[in-house]
Amino acid sequence: MHADIDLNALVSAIGDAVVVSDAKGKVIVWNPAAERLFGFTEAEALGQSMDMIIPERLRKRHWDGFDKSMQTGTTRYGHDVLRVPAVDKAGRALSIAFTVAMLFGPDGKVSAIASIIRDETARFADERALRKRIVELEAQLAGGAPRA
């Protein structure tokens, strides 16, 4: 990496949310895009559990996967995009897509997980509306077919 790059400035400038949690799932990095997406300021987010953005019904599943990643040091979501529901500060449902990067300490153990998150709420709603419309059109075609 080039020595002249200010990593804090880089993370702040990225248009997608950058959220880094430590090995226990506490937020240690929260960029301005994360503030815009989730509604929590950096001061409100730092030191908090990731539960603040995970819908309650999905927390067990999230933490099971998180714990497995912590133990193995691997995740398939480093390259594959994970699409899941999330919630913002006001409790509004969001659809997010993200990848993660496992960060390792000098001891070779996972010290943190960085997530690059994009809001896909509008795209998800558009796709749902299109799927509904296709079903409606297919029903009209089936209903309007000549009968023997």
C-alpha atoms as a PDB file:
ATOM      1  CA  MET A   1       0.000   0.000   0.000  1.00  0.00           C
ATOM      2  CA  HIS A   2       1.212   3.464  -0.790  1.00  0.00           C
ATOM      3  CA  ALA A   3       2.552   5.223   2.318  1.00  0.00           C
ATOM      4  CA  ASP A   4       0.915   8.540   1.407  1.00  0.00           C
ATOM      5  CA  ILE A   5      -2.634   7.158   1.642  1.00  0.00           C
ATOM      6  CA  ASP A   6      -4.549   8.242   4.729  1.00  0.00           C
ATOM      7  CA  LEU A   7      -6.643   5.169   5.521  1.00  0.00           C
ATOM      8  CA  ASN A   8      -9.050   7.117   7.752  1.00  0.00           C
ATOM      9  CA  ALA A   9      -9.688   9.611   4.942  1.00  0.00           C
ATOM     10  CA  LEU A  10     -10.173   6.724   2.512  1.00  0.00           C
ATOM     11  CA  VAL A  11     -12.767   4.990   4.706  1.00  0.00           C
ATOM     12  CA  SER A  12     -14.554   8.304   5.270  1.00  0.00           C
ATOM     13  CA  ALA A  13     -14.661   9.060   1.547  1.00  0.00           C
ATOM     14  CA  ILE A  14     -16.092   5.696   0.450  1.00  0.00           C
ATOM     15  CA  GLY A  15     -19.705   6.018  -0.698  1.00  0.00           C
ATOM     16  CA  ASP A  16     -20.745   2.620   0.690  1.00  0.00           C
ATOM     17  CA  ALA A  17     -21.116   2.014   4.405  1.00  0.00           C
ATOM     18  CA  VAL A  18     -17.946   0.682   6.015  1.00  0.00           C
ATOM     19  CA  VAL A  19     -18.581  -1.037   9.316  1.00  0.00           C
ATOM     20  CA  VAL A  20     -15.854  -2.881  11.183  1.00  0.00           C
ATOM     21  CA  SER A  21     -16.553  -4.923  14.273  1.00  0.00           C
ATOM     22  CA  ASP A  22     -14.059  -6.482  16.654  1.00  0.00           C
ATOM     23  CA  ALA A  23     -13.896 -10.208  17.394  1.00  0.00           C
ATOM     24  CA  LYS A  24     -16.752  -9.838  19.885  1.00  0.00           C
ATOM     25  CA  GLY A  25     -19.051  -8.068  17.407  1.00  0.00           C
ATOM     26  CA  LYS A  26     -18.638  -4.541  18.787  1.00  0.00           C
ATOM     27  CA  VAL A  27     -18.426  -1.703  16.250  1.00  0.00           C
ATOM     28  CA  ILE A  28     -14.941  -0.171  15.977  1.00  0.00           C
ATOM     29  CA  VAL A  29     -15.262   1.657  12.624  1.00  0.00           C
ATOM     30  CA  TRP A  30     -18.400   3.446  11.355  1.00  0.00           C
ATOM     31  CA  ASN A  31     -17.978   5.731   8.358  1.00  0.00           C
ATOM     32  CA  PRO A  32     -20.214   8.650   7.231  1.00  0.00           C
ATOM     33  CA  ALA A  33     -21.992   6.409   4.694  1.00  0.00           C
ATOM     34  CA  ALA A  34     -22.938   4.059   7.563  1.00  0.00           C
ATOM     35  CA  GLU A  35     -24.352   7.087   9.400  1.00  0.00           C
ATOM     36  CA  ARG A  36     -26.463   7.987   6.345  1.00  0.00           C
ATOM     37  CA  LEU A  37     -27.643   4.428   5.817  1.00  0.00           C
ATOM     38  CA  PHE A  38     -28.447   3.391   9.373  1.00  0.00           C
ATOM     39  CA  GLY A  39     -29.085   6.752  11.082  1.00  0.00           C
ATOM     40  CA  PHE A  40     -26.686   6.189  13.979  1.00  0.00           C
ATOM     41  CA  THR A  41     -23.853   8.688  14.375  1.00  0.00           C
ATOM     42  CA  GLU A  42     -20.339   7.376  14.718  1.00  0.00           C
ATOM     43  CA  ALA A  43     -20.422   8.274  18.437  1.00  0.00           C
ATOM     44  CA  GLU A  44     -23.658   6.301  18.897  1.00  0.00           C
ATOM     45  CA  ALA A  45     -22.364   3.256  16.989  1.00  0.00           C
ATOM     46  CA  LEU A  46     -18.817   2.849  18.300  1.00  0.00           C
ATOM     47  CA  GLY A  47     -18.604   0.182  20.989  1.00  0.00           C
ATOM     48  CA  GLN A  48     -22.151  -1.045  20.326  1.00  0.00           C
ATOM     49  CA  SER A  49     -23.176  -4.543  19.275  1.00  0.00           C
ATOM     50  CA  MET A  50     -24.008  -5.148  15.628  1.00  0.00           C
ATOM     51  CA  ASP A  51     -27.461  -6.084  16.976  1.00  0.00           C
ATOM     52  CA  MET A  52     -28.432  -2.441  16.509  1.00  0.00           C
ATOM     53  CA  ILE A  53     -28.776  -3.029  12.746  1.00  0.00           C
ATOM     54  CA  ILE A  54     -29.758  -6.721  12.747  1.00  0.00           C
ATOM     55  CA  PRO A  55     -33.483  -7.516  12.863  1.00  0.00           C
ATOM     56  CA  GLU A  56     -34.223  -9.397  16.073  1.00  0.00           C
ATOM     57  CA  ARG A  57     -35.547 -12.471  14.224  1.00  0.00           C
ATOM     58  CA  LEU A  58     -32.188 -12.858  12.424  1.00  0.00           C
ATOM     59  CA  ARG A  59     -29.791 -12.309  15.324  1.00  0.00           C
ATOM     60  CA  LYS A  60     -29.259 -15.968  16.250  1.00  0.00           C
ATOM     61  CA  ARG A  61     -28.481 -16.846  12.638  1.00  0.00           C
ATOM     62  CA  HIS A  62     -26.127 -13.860  12.348  1.00  0.00           C
ATOM     63  CA  TRP A  63     -24.221 -14.692  15.529  1.00  0.00           C
ATOM     64  CA  ASP A  64     -23.979 -18.398  14.641  1.00  0.00           C
ATOM     65  CA  GLY A  65     -22.317 -17.413  11.343  1.00  0.00           C
ATOM     66  CA  PHE A  66     -20.196 -14.744  13.030  1.00  0.00           C
ATOM     67  CA  ASP A  67     -18.925 -17.205  15.647  1.00  0.00           C
ATOM     68  CA  LYS A  68     -18.111 -19.782  12.963  1.00  0.00           C
ATOM     69  CA  SER A  69     -16.144 -17.152  11.010  1.00  0.00           C
ATOM     70  CA  MET A  70     -14.279 -16.141  14.164  1.00  0.00           C
ATOM     71  CA  GLN A  71     -13.329 -19.762  14.873  1.00  0.00           C
ATOM     72  CA  THR A  72     -12.332 -20.702  11.316  1.00  0.00           C
ATOM     73  CA  GLY A  73     -10.963 -17.365  10.104  1.00  0.00           C
ATOM     74  CA  THR A  74     -12.882 -17.808   6.858  1.00  0.00           C
ATOM     75  CA  THR A  75     -16.088 -16.618   5.275  1.00  0.00           C
ATOM     76  CA  ARG A  76     -17.620 -17.164   1.879  1.00  0.00           C
ATOM     77  CA  TYR A  77     -18.843 -13.564   1.878  1.00  0.00           C
ATOM     78  CA  GLY A  78     -15.419 -12.165   1.068  1.00  0.00           C
ATOM     79  CA  HIS A  79     -16.283 -12.654  -2.600  1.00  0.00           C
ATOM     80  CA  ASP A  80     -19.955 -13.614  -2.622  1.00  0.00           C
ATOM     81  CA  VAL A  81     -22.384 -10.795  -1.898  1.00  0.00           C
ATOM     82  CA  LEU A  82     -24.699 -11.435   1.028  1.00  0.00           C
ATOM     83  CA  ARG A  83     -28.170  -9.891   0.766  1.00  0.00           C
ATOM     84  CA  VAL A  84     -30.091  -9.626   4.033  1.00  0.00           C
ATOM     85  CA  PRO A  85     -32.640  -7.495   5.848  1.00  0.00           C
ATOM     86  CA  ALA A  86     -31.401  -4.855   8.281  1.00  0.00           C
ATOM     87  CA  VAL A  87     -32.941  -2.094  10.384  1.00  0.00           C
ATOM     88  CA  ASP A  88     -32.038   1.538  10.864  1.00  0.00           C
ATOM     89  CA  LYS A  89     -32.126   3.668  14.002  1.00  0.00           C
ATOM     90  CA  ALA A  90     -35.826   4.451  13.506  1.00  0.00           C
ATOM     91  CA  GLY A  91     -36.637   0.740  13.150  1.00  0.00           C
ATOM     92  CA  ARG A  92     -37.264   1.032   9.403  1.00  0.00           C
ATOM     93  CA  ALA A  93     -36.671  -2.193   7.466  1.00  0.00           C
ATOM     94  CA  LEU A  94     -33.820  -2.084   4.946  1.00  0.00           C
ATOM     95  CA  SER A  95     -32.515  -4.509   2.341  1.00  0.00           C
ATOM     96  CA  ILE A  96     -28.722  -4.475   2.294  1.00  0.00           C
ATOM     97  CA  ALA A  97     -26.020  -6.195   0.276  1.00  0.00           C
ATOM     98  CA  PHE A  98     -22.481  -6.565   1.548  1.00  0.00           C
ATOM     99  CA  THR A  99     -19.158  -8.318   1.440  1.00  0.00           C
ATOM    100  CA  VAL A 100     -16.837  -8.860   4.366  1.00  0.00           C
ATOM    101  CA  ALA A 101     -13.100  -8.997   4.935  1.00  0.00           C
ATOM    102  CA  MET A 102     -11.548 -10.933   7.775  1.00  0.00           C
ATOM    103  CA  LEU A 103      -8.801  -8.930   9.506  1.00  0.00           C
ATOM    104  CA  PHE A 104      -6.082 -10.795  11.397  1.00  0.00           C
ATOM    105  CA  GLY A 105      -3.862  -9.763  14.291  1.00  0.00           C
ATOM    106  CA  PRO A 106      -0.146 -10.513  14.604  1.00  0.00           C
ATOM    107  CA  ASP A 107      -1.054 -13.807  16.321  1.00  0.00           C
ATOM    108  CA  GLY A 108      -2.855 -14.976  13.171  1.00  0.00           C
ATOM    109  CA  LYS A 109      -6.249 -14.932  14.859  1.00  0.00           C
ATOM    110  CA  VAL A 110      -9.188 -12.920  13.562  1.00  0.00           C
ATOM    111  CA  SER A 111      -9.167  -9.511  15.224  1.00  0.00           C
ATOM    112  CA  ALA A 112     -11.998  -7.854  13.303  1.00  0.00           C
ATOM    113  CA  ILE A 113     -14.416  -8.153  10.405  1.00  0.00           C
ATOM    114  CA  ALA A 114     -14.874  -5.307   7.931  1.00  0.00           C
ATOM    115  CA  SER A 115     -18.150  -5.036   6.028  1.00  0.00           C
ATOM    116  CA  ILE A 116     -18.751  -2.948   2.923  1.00  0.00           C
ATOM    117  CA  ILE A 117     -22.520  -2.397   2.823  1.00  0.00           C
ATOM    118  CA  ARG A 118     -24.834  -1.004   0.152  1.00  0.00           C
ATOM    119  CA  ASP A 119     -28.504  -0.086   0.539  1.00  0.00           C
ATOM    120  CA  GLU A 120     -30.567  -2.131  -1.922  1.00  0.00           C
ATOM    121  CA  THR A 121     -33.984  -1.356  -0.425  1.00  0.00           C
ATOM    122  CA  ALA A 122     -35.291   0.460  -3.515  1.00  0.00           C
ATOM    123  CA  ARG A 123     -33.910  -2.155  -5.927  1.00  0.00           C
ATOM    124  CA  PHE A 124     -35.418  -4.967  -3.857  1.00  0.00           C
ATOM    125  CA  ALA A 125     -38.832  -3.230  -3.824  1.00  0.00           C
ATOM    126  CA  ASP A 126     -38.632  -2.669  -7.604  1.00  0.00           C
ATOM    127  CA  GLU A 127     -37.804  -6.342  -8.208  1.00  0.00           C
ATOM    128  CA  ARG A 128     -40.657  -7.460  -5.929  1.00  0.00           C
ATOM    129  CA  ALA A 129     -43.101  -5.204  -7.838  1.00  0.00           C
ATOM    130  CA  LEU A 130     -41.866  -6.592 -11.174  1.00  0.00           C
ATOM    131  CA  ARG A 131     -42.264 -10.187  -9.986  1.00  0.00           C
ATOM    132  CA  LYS A 132     -45.800  -9.410  -8.800  1.00  0.00           C
ATOM    133  CA  ARG A 133     -46.618  -7.800 -12.159  1.00  0.00           C
ATOM    134  CA  ILE A 134     -45.297 -10.844 -14.051  1.00  0.00           C
ATOM    135  CA  VAL A 135     -47.536 -13.125 -11.979  1.00  0.00           C
ATOM    136  CA  GLU A 136     -50.529 -10.859 -12.707  1.00  0.00           C
ATOM    137  CA  LEU A 137     -49.792 -10.801 -16.453  1.00  0.00           C
ATOM    138  CA  GLU A 138     -49.284 -14.566 -16.577  1.00  0.00           C
ATOM    139  CA  ALA A 139     -52.640 -15.035 -14.799  1.00  0.00           C
ATOM    140  CA  GLN A 140     -54.330 -12.731 -17.331  1.00  0.00           C
ATOM    141  CA  LEU A 141     -52.811 -14.674 -20.226  1.00  0.00           C
ATOM    142  CA  ALA A 142     -53.849 -18.002 -18.747  1.00  0.00           C
ATOM    143  CA  GLY A 143     -57.371 -16.706 -18.069  1.00  0.00           C
ATOM    144  CA  GLY A 144     -57.724 -15.221 -21.517  1.00  0.00           C
ATOM    145  CA  ALA A 145     -56.642 -18.299 -23.454  1.00  0.00           C
ATOM    146  CA  PRO A 146     -59.239 -19.826 -25.770  1.00  0.00           C
ATOM    147  CA  ARG A 147     -61.088 -22.799 -24.335  1.00  0.00           C
ATOM    148  CA  ALA A 148     -61.705 -25.996 -26.243  1.00  0.00           C
END
